[in-house]
């Protein structure tokens, strides 16, 4: 199990990529295959084990889509 997990409220994501640009370990990217009901590309996590729990992604998100959870 990874040290952190990310939860996304996909229905509120607008695909703005702010979280992607702020991630210091570059593990976030917009999906080319997954979209919400509004047609926006959703965020994919490439390697959750590299997450450092900085919460930059959650802080920068204008729609409060992301929640960073510390495991154990």
PDB file of N, CA and C in Angstrom:
ATOM      1  N   UNK A   1       0.837  -1.178   0.000  1.00  0.00           N
ATOM      2  CA  UNK A   1       0.000   0.000   0.000  1.00  0.00           C
ATOM      3  C   UNK A   1       0.885   1.246   0.000  1.00  0.00           C
ATOM      4  N   UNK A   2       0.468   2.242  -0.763  1.00  0.00           N
ATOM      5  CA  UNK A   2       1.241   3.479  -0.827  1.00  0.00           C
ATOM      6  C   UNK A   2       1.004   4.324   0.423  1.00  0.00           C
ATOM      7  N   UNK A   3       1.887   5.247   0.657  1.00  0.00           N
ATOM      8  CA  UNK A   3       1.809   6.100   1.836  1.00  0.00           C
ATOM      9  C   UNK A   3       0.635   7.081   1.749  1.00  0.00           C
ATOM     10  N   UNK A   4       0.288   7.476   0.522  1.00  0.00           N
ATOM     11  CA  UNK A   4      -0.800   8.431   0.295  1.00  0.00           C
ATOM     12  C   UNK A   4      -1.750   7.882  -0.759  1.00  0.00           C
ATOM     13  N   UNK A   5      -2.946   8.417  -0.751  1.00  0.00           N
ATOM     14  CA  UNK A   5      -3.876   8.130  -1.842  1.00  0.00           C
ATOM     15  C   UNK A   5      -4.555   9.434  -2.225  1.00  0.00           C
ATOM     16  N   UNK A   6      -4.964   9.515  -3.459  1.00  0.00           N
ATOM     17  CA  UNK A   6      -5.645  10.693  -3.964  1.00  0.00           C
ATOM     18  C   UNK A   6      -7.072  10.307  -4.332  1.00  0.00           C
ATOM     19  N   UNK A   7      -8.024  11.098  -3.879  1.00  0.00           N
ATOM     20  CA  UNK A   7      -9.421  10.903  -4.253  1.00  0.00           C
ATOM     21  C   UNK A   7      -9.835  12.094  -5.101  1.00  0.00           C
ATOM     22  N   UNK A   8     -10.571  11.810  -6.154  1.00  0.00           N
ATOM     23  CA  UNK A   8     -11.017  12.850  -7.077  1.00  0.00           C
ATOM     24  C   UNK A   8     -12.537  12.841  -7.172  1.00  0.00           C
ATOM     25  N   UNK A   9     -13.151  14.022  -7.127  1.00  0.00           N
ATOM     26  CA  UNK A   9     -14.582  14.163  -7.409  1.00  0.00           C
ATOM     27  C   UNK A   9     -14.681  14.414  -8.917  1.00  0.00           C
ATOM     28  N   UNK A  10     -14.636  13.322  -9.665  1.00  0.00           N
ATOM     29  CA  UNK A  10     -14.531  13.403 -11.124  1.00  0.00           C
ATOM     30  C   UNK A  10     -15.609  14.273 -11.769  1.00  0.00           C
ATOM     31  N   UNK A  11     -16.814  14.247 -11.211  1.00  0.00           N
ATOM     32  CA  UNK A  11     -17.915  14.986 -11.839  1.00  0.00           C
ATOM     33  C   UNK A  11     -17.694  16.502 -11.799  1.00  0.00           C
ATOM     34  N   UNK A  12     -16.798  16.989 -10.919  1.00  0.00           N
ATOM     35  CA  UNK A  12     -16.543  18.421 -10.808  1.00  0.00           C
ATOM     36  C   UNK A  12     -15.271  18.868 -11.531  1.00  0.00           C
ATOM     37  N   UNK A  13     -14.475  17.930 -12.011  1.00  0.00           N
ATOM     38  CA  UNK A  13     -13.220  18.265 -12.681  1.00  0.00           C
ATOM     39  C   UNK A  13     -13.503  18.946 -14.016  1.00  0.00           C
ATOM     40  N   UNK A  14     -12.744  20.035 -14.289  1.00  0.00           N
ATOM     41  CA  UNK A  14     -12.886  20.763 -15.554  1.00  0.00           C
ATOM     42  C   UNK A  14     -11.660  20.615 -16.442  1.00  0.00           C
ATOM     43  N   UNK A  15     -10.755  19.723 -16.061  1.00  0.00           N
ATOM     44  CA  UNK A  15      -9.585  19.454 -16.895  1.00  0.00           C
ATOM     45  C   UNK A  15      -8.673  20.650 -17.081  1.00  0.00           C
ATOM     46  N   UNK A  16      -8.571  21.510 -16.088  1.00  0.00           N
ATOM     47  CA  UNK A  16      -7.787  22.743 -16.231  1.00  0.00           C
ATOM     48  C   UNK A  16      -6.279  22.509 -16.173  1.00  0.00           C
ATOM     49  N   UNK A  17      -5.853  21.366 -15.682  1.00  0.00           N
ATOM     50  CA  UNK A  17      -4.451  20.973 -15.584  1.00  0.00           C
ATOM     51  C   UNK A  17      -3.638  21.730 -14.547  1.00  0.00           C
ATOM     52  N   UNK A  18      -4.268  22.515 -13.694  1.00  0.00           N
ATOM     53  CA  UNK A  18      -3.509  23.204 -12.649  1.00  0.00           C
ATOM     54  C   UNK A  18      -2.831  22.205 -11.727  1.00  0.00           C
ATOM     55  N   UNK A  19      -3.528  21.147 -11.369  1.00  0.00           N
ATOM     56  CA  UNK A  19      -2.932  20.123 -10.492  1.00  0.00           C
ATOM     57  C   UNK A  19      -1.735  19.462 -11.168  1.00  0.00           C
ATOM     58  N   UNK A  20      -1.877  19.208 -12.456  1.00  0.00           N
ATOM     59  CA  UNK A  20      -0.794  18.585 -13.219  1.00  0.00           C
ATOM     60  C   UNK A  20       0.454  19.472 -13.191  1.00  0.00           C
ATOM     61  N   UNK A  21       0.257  20.765 -13.394  1.00  0.00           N
ATOM     62  CA  UNK A  21       1.394  21.689 -13.451  1.00  0.00           C
ATOM     63  C   UNK A  21       2.040  21.909 -12.082  1.00  0.00           C
ATOM     64  N   UNK A  22       1.300  21.726 -10.994  1.00  0.00           N
ATOM     65  CA  UNK A  22       1.833  21.985  -9.655  1.00  0.00           C
ATOM     66  C   UNK A  22       2.474  20.780  -8.988  1.00  0.00           C
ATOM     67  N   UNK A  23       2.275  19.586  -9.510  1.00  0.00           N
ATOM     68  CA  UNK A  23       2.806  18.381  -8.879  1.00  0.00           C
ATOM     69  C   UNK A  23       4.336  18.353  -8.991  1.00  0.00           C
ATOM     70  N   UNK A  24       5.047  18.415  -7.863  1.00  0.00           N
ATOM     71  CA  UNK A  24       6.512  18.456  -7.925  1.00  0.00           C
ATOM     72  C   UNK A  24       7.153  17.145  -8.370  1.00  0.00           C
ATOM     73  N   UNK A  25       6.440  16.033  -8.222  1.00  0.00           N
ATOM     74  CA  UNK A  25       7.002  14.749  -8.639  1.00  0.00           C
ATOM     75  C   UNK A  25       6.425  14.270  -9.977  1.00  0.00           C
ATOM     76  N   UNK A  26       5.598  15.099 -10.593  1.00  0.00           N
ATOM     77  CA  UNK A  26       5.075  14.873 -11.957  1.00  0.00           C
ATOM     78  C   UNK A  26       4.385  13.517 -12.122  1.00  0.00           C
ATOM     79  N   UNK A  27       3.462  13.198 -11.206  1.00  0.00           N
ATOM     80  CA  UNK A  27       2.729  11.930 -11.308  1.00  0.00           C
ATOM     81  C   UNK A  27       1.294  12.117 -11.797  1.00  0.00           C
ATOM     82  N   UNK A  28       0.887  13.349 -12.070  1.00  0.00           N
ATOM     83  CA  UNK A  28      -0.466  13.613 -12.536  1.00  0.00           C
ATOM     84  C   UNK A  28      -0.454  13.974 -14.013  1.00  0.00           C
ATOM     85  N   UNK A  29      -1.497  13.502 -14.717  1.00  0.00           N
ATOM     86  CA  UNK A  29      -1.643  13.822 -16.136  1.00  0.00           C
ATOM     87  C   UNK A  29      -3.111  13.720 -16.505  1.00  0.00           C
ATOM     88  N   UNK A  30      -3.502  14.448 -17.544  1.00  0.00           N
ATOM     89  CA  UNK A  30      -4.878  14.333 -18.008  1.00  0.00           C
ATOM     90  C   UNK A  30      -5.013  13.071 -18.848  1.00  0.00           C
ATOM     91  N   UNK A  31      -6.088  12.363 -18.592  1.00  0.00           N
ATOM     92  CA  UNK A  31      -6.338  11.113 -19.307  1.00  0.00           C
ATOM     93  C   UNK A  31      -6.702  11.382 -20.761  1.00  0.00           C
ATOM     94  N   UNK A  32      -6.292  10.495 -21.614  1.00  0.00           N
ATOM     95  CA  UNK A  32      -6.687  10.553 -23.022  1.00  0.00           C
ATOM     96  C   UNK A  32      -7.878   9.631 -23.273  1.00  0.00           C
ATOM     97  N   UNK A  33      -8.278   8.890 -22.233  1.00  0.00           N
ATOM     98  CA  UNK A  33      -9.336   7.885 -22.396  1.00  0.00           C
ATOM     99  C   UNK A  33     -10.530   8.076 -21.462  1.00  0.00           C
ATOM    100  N   UNK A  34     -10.333   8.754 -20.334  1.00  0.00           N
ATOM    101  CA  UNK A  34     -11.418   8.902 -19.355  1.00  0.00           C
ATOM    102  C   UNK A  34     -11.915  10.344 -19.320  1.00  0.00           C
ATOM    103  N   UNK A  35     -13.240  10.490 -19.366  1.00  0.00           N
ATOM    104  CA  UNK A  35     -13.876  11.802 -19.366  1.00  0.00           C
ATOM    105  C   UNK A  35     -15.073  11.783 -18.420  1.00  0.00           C
ATOM    106  N   UNK A  36     -15.398  12.936 -17.828  1.00  0.00           N
ATOM    107  CA  UNK A  36     -16.583  12.986 -16.985  1.00  0.00           C
ATOM    108  C   UNK A  36     -17.815  13.268 -17.848  1.00  0.00           C
ATOM    109  N   UNK A  37     -18.968  13.363 -17.234  1.00  0.00           N
ATOM    110  CA  UNK A  37     -20.213  13.544 -17.987  1.00  0.00           C
ATOM    111  C   UNK A  37     -20.260  14.870 -18.730  1.00  0.00           C
ATOM    112  N   UNK A  38     -19.467  15.838 -18.290  1.00  0.00           N
ATOM    113  CA  UNK A  38     -19.413  17.128 -18.978  1.00  0.00           C
ATOM    114  C   UNK A  38     -18.432  17.119 -20.150  1.00  0.00           C
ATOM    115  N   UNK A  39     -17.704  16.015 -20.321  1.00  0.00           N
ATOM    116  CA  UNK A  39     -16.769  15.889 -21.431  1.00  0.00           C
ATOM    117  C   UNK A  39     -15.343  16.298 -21.123  1.00  0.00           C
ATOM    118  N   UNK A  40     -15.055  16.621 -19.874  1.00  0.00           N
ATOM    119  CA  UNK A  40     -13.703  17.021 -19.508  1.00  0.00           C
ATOM    120  C   UNK A  40     -12.833  15.803 -19.235  1.00  0.00           C
ATOM    121  N   UNK A  41     -11.578  15.885 -19.684  1.00  0.00           N
ATOM    122  CA  UNK A  41     -10.619  14.812 -19.405  1.00  0.00           C
ATOM    123  C   UNK A  41     -10.349  14.762 -17.911  1.00  0.00           C
ATOM    124  N   UNK A  42     -10.281  13.558 -17.374  1.00  0.00           N
ATOM    125  CA  UNK A  42     -10.040  13.365 -15.951  1.00  0.00           C
ATOM    126  C   UNK A  42      -8.549  13.200 -15.666  1.00  0.00           C
ATOM    127  N   UNK A  43      -8.188  13.349 -14.420  1.00  0.00           N
ATOM    128  CA  UNK A  43      -6.789  13.251 -14.015  1.00  0.00           C
ATOM    129  C   UNK A  43      -6.437  11.797 -13.715  1.00  0.00           C
ATOM    130  N   UNK A  44      -5.315  11.356 -14.240  1.00  0.00           N
ATOM    131  CA  UNK A  44      -4.767  10.037 -13.942  1.00  0.00           C
ATOM    132  C   UNK A  44      -3.518  10.206 -13.081  1.00  0.00           C
ATOM    133  N   UNK A  45      -3.293   9.235 -12.216  1.00  0.00           N
ATOM    134  CA  UNK A  45      -2.089   9.203 -11.381  1.00  0.00           C
ATOM    135  C   UNK A  45      -1.187   8.111 -11.937  1.00  0.00           C
ATOM    136  N   UNK A  46       0.002   8.480 -12.387  1.00  0.00           N
ATOM    137  CA  UNK A  46       0.877   7.509 -13.037  1.00  0.00           C
ATOM    138  C   UNK A  46       1.556   6.566 -12.047  1.00  0.00           C
ATOM    139  N   UNK A  47       1.914   7.074 -10.858  1.00  0.00           N
ATOM    140  CA  UNK A  47       2.606   6.231  -9.877  1.00  0.00           C
ATOM    141  C   UNK A  47       2.355   6.776  -8.473  1.00  0.00           C
ATOM    142  N   UNK A  48       1.301   6.323  -7.831  1.00  0.00           N
ATOM    143  CA  UNK A  48       0.918   6.827  -6.507  1.00  0.00           C
ATOM    144  C   UNK A  48       2.013   6.595  -5.474  1.00  0.00           C
ATOM    145  N   UNK A  49       2.862   5.624  -5.673  1.00  0.00           N
ATOM    146  CA  UNK A  49       3.948   5.358  -4.732  1.00  0.00           C
ATOM    147  C   UNK A  49       4.977   6.492  -4.687  1.00  0.00           C
ATOM    148  N   UNK A  50       4.997   7.327  -5.697  1.00  0.00           N
ATOM    149  CA  UNK A  50       5.921   8.464  -5.721  1.00  0.00           C
ATOM    150  C   UNK A  50       5.323   9.718  -5.095  1.00  0.00           C
ATOM    151  N   UNK A  51       4.036   9.685  -4.729  1.00  0.00           N
ATOM    152  CA  UNK A  51       3.374  10.844  -4.113  1.00  0.00           C
ATOM    153  C   UNK A  51       4.045  11.174  -2.780  1.00  0.00           C
ATOM    154  N   UNK A  52       4.344  12.460  -2.569  1.00  0.00           N
ATOM    155  CA  UNK A  52       4.991  12.899  -1.328  1.00  0.00           C
ATOM    156  C   UNK A  52       4.008  13.557  -0.365  1.00  0.00           C
ATOM    157  N   UNK A  53       2.744  13.615  -0.733  1.00  0.00           N
ATOM    158  CA  UNK A  53       1.720  14.155   0.154  1.00  0.00           C
ATOM    159  C   UNK A  53       1.789  15.658   0.356  1.00  0.00           C
ATOM    160  N   UNK A  54       2.321  16.382  -0.590  1.00  0.00           N
ATOM    161  CA  UNK A  54       2.507  17.826  -0.442  1.00  0.00           C
ATOM    162  C   UNK A  54       1.186  18.599  -0.470  1.00  0.00           C
ATOM    163  N   UNK A  55       0.167  18.026  -1.056  1.00  0.00           N
ATOM    164  CA  UNK A  55      -1.176  18.602  -1.230  1.00  0.00           C
ATOM    165  C   UNK A  55      -1.230  19.793  -2.184  1.00  0.00           C
ATOM    166  N   UNK A  56      -0.163  20.047  -2.931  1.00  0.00           N
ATOM    167  CA  UNK A  56      -0.187  21.155  -3.886  1.00  0.00           C
ATOM    168  C   UNK A  56      -1.341  20.996  -4.874  1.00  0.00           C
ATOM    169  N   UNK A  57      -1.598  19.776  -5.304  1.00  0.00           N
ATOM    170  CA  UNK A  57      -2.670  19.528  -6.270  1.00  0.00           C
ATOM    171  C   UNK A  57      -4.023  19.922  -5.684  1.00  0.00           C
ATOM    172  N   UNK A  58      -4.273  19.541  -4.444  1.00  0.00           N
ATOM    173  CA  UNK A  58      -5.550  19.845  -3.797  1.00  0.00           C
ATOM    174  C   UNK A  58      -5.694  21.342  -3.523  1.00  0.00           C
ATOM    175  N   UNK A  59      -4.607  21.986  -3.143  1.00  0.00           N
ATOM    176  CA  UNK A  59      -4.649  23.422  -2.835  1.00  0.00           C
ATOM    177  C   UNK A  59      -4.920  24.255  -4.078  1.00  0.00           C
ATOM    178  N   UNK A  60      -4.295  23.912  -5.198  1.00  0.00           N
ATOM    179  CA  UNK A  60      -4.420  24.711  -6.423  1.00  0.00           C
ATOM    180  C   UNK A  60      -5.746  24.490  -7.143  1.00  0.00           C
ATOM    181  N   UNK A  61      -6.420  23.379  -6.873  1.00  0.00           N
ATOM    182  CA  UNK A  61      -7.656  23.050  -7.595  1.00  0.00           C
ATOM    183  C   UNK A  61      -8.765  24.059  -7.268  1.00  0.00           C
ATOM    184  N   UNK A  62      -9.259  24.789  -8.279  1.00  0.00           N
ATOM    185  CA  UNK A  62     -10.276  25.809  -8.023  1.00  0.00           C
ATOM    186  C   UNK A  62     -11.655  25.223  -7.670  1.00  0.00           C
ATOM    187  N   UNK A  63     -11.848  23.945  -7.925  1.00  0.00           N
ATOM    188  CA  UNK A  63     -13.151  23.329  -7.686  1.00  0.00           C
ATOM    189  C   UNK A  63     -13.130  22.292  -6.576  1.00  0.00           C
ATOM    190  N   UNK A  64     -12.060  22.254  -5.801  1.00  0.00           N
ATOM    191  CA  UNK A  64     -11.925  21.318  -4.670  1.00  0.00           C
ATOM    192  C   UNK A  64     -12.213  19.863  -5.068  1.00  0.00           C
ATOM    193  N   UNK A  65     -11.633  19.456  -6.164  1.00  0.00           N
ATOM    194  CA  UNK A  65     -11.853  18.123  -6.728  1.00  0.00           C
ATOM    195  C   UNK A  65     -10.977  17.069  -6.049  1.00  0.00           C
ATOM    196  N   UNK A  66      -9.829  17.452  -5.515  1.00  0.00           N
ATOM    197  CA  UNK A  66      -8.818  16.509  -5.054  1.00  0.00           C
ATOM    198  C   UNK A  66      -8.712  16.487  -3.538  1.00  0.00           C
ATOM    199  N   UNK A  67      -8.617  15.286  -3.009  1.00  0.00           N
ATOM    200  CA  UNK A  67      -8.386  15.093  -1.581  1.00  0.00           C
ATOM    201  C   UNK A  67      -7.179  14.170  -1.429  1.00  0.00           C
ATOM    202  N   UNK A  68      -6.193  14.605  -0.645  1.00  0.00           N
ATOM    203  CA  UNK A  68      -4.993  13.809  -0.375  1.00  0.00           C
ATOM    204  C   UNK A  68      -5.184  13.143   0.986  1.00  0.00           C
ATOM    205  N   UNK A  69      -5.036  11.837   1.011  1.00  0.00           N
ATOM    206  CA  UNK A  69      -5.246  11.073   2.232  1.00  0.00           C
ATOM    207  C   UNK A  69      -3.956  10.342   2.588  1.00  0.00           C
ATOM    208  N   UNK A  70      -3.542  10.484   3.856  1.00  0.00           N
ATOM    209  CA  UNK A  70      -2.366   9.775   4.339  1.00  0.00           C
ATOM    210  C   UNK A  70      -2.819   8.410   4.875  1.00  0.00           C
ATOM    211  N   UNK A  71      -2.227   7.356   4.378  1.00  0.00           N
ATOM    212  CA  UNK A  71      -2.547   6.007   4.823  1.00  0.00           C
ATOM    213  C   UNK A  71      -1.709   5.643   6.044  1.00  0.00           C
ATOM    214  N   UNK A  72      -2.350   4.992   6.994  1.00  0.00           N
ATOM    215  CA  UNK A  72      -1.669   4.469   8.178  1.00  0.00           C
ATOM    216  C   UNK A  72      -0.991   5.498   8.931  1.00  0.00           C
TER     217      UNK A  72
END
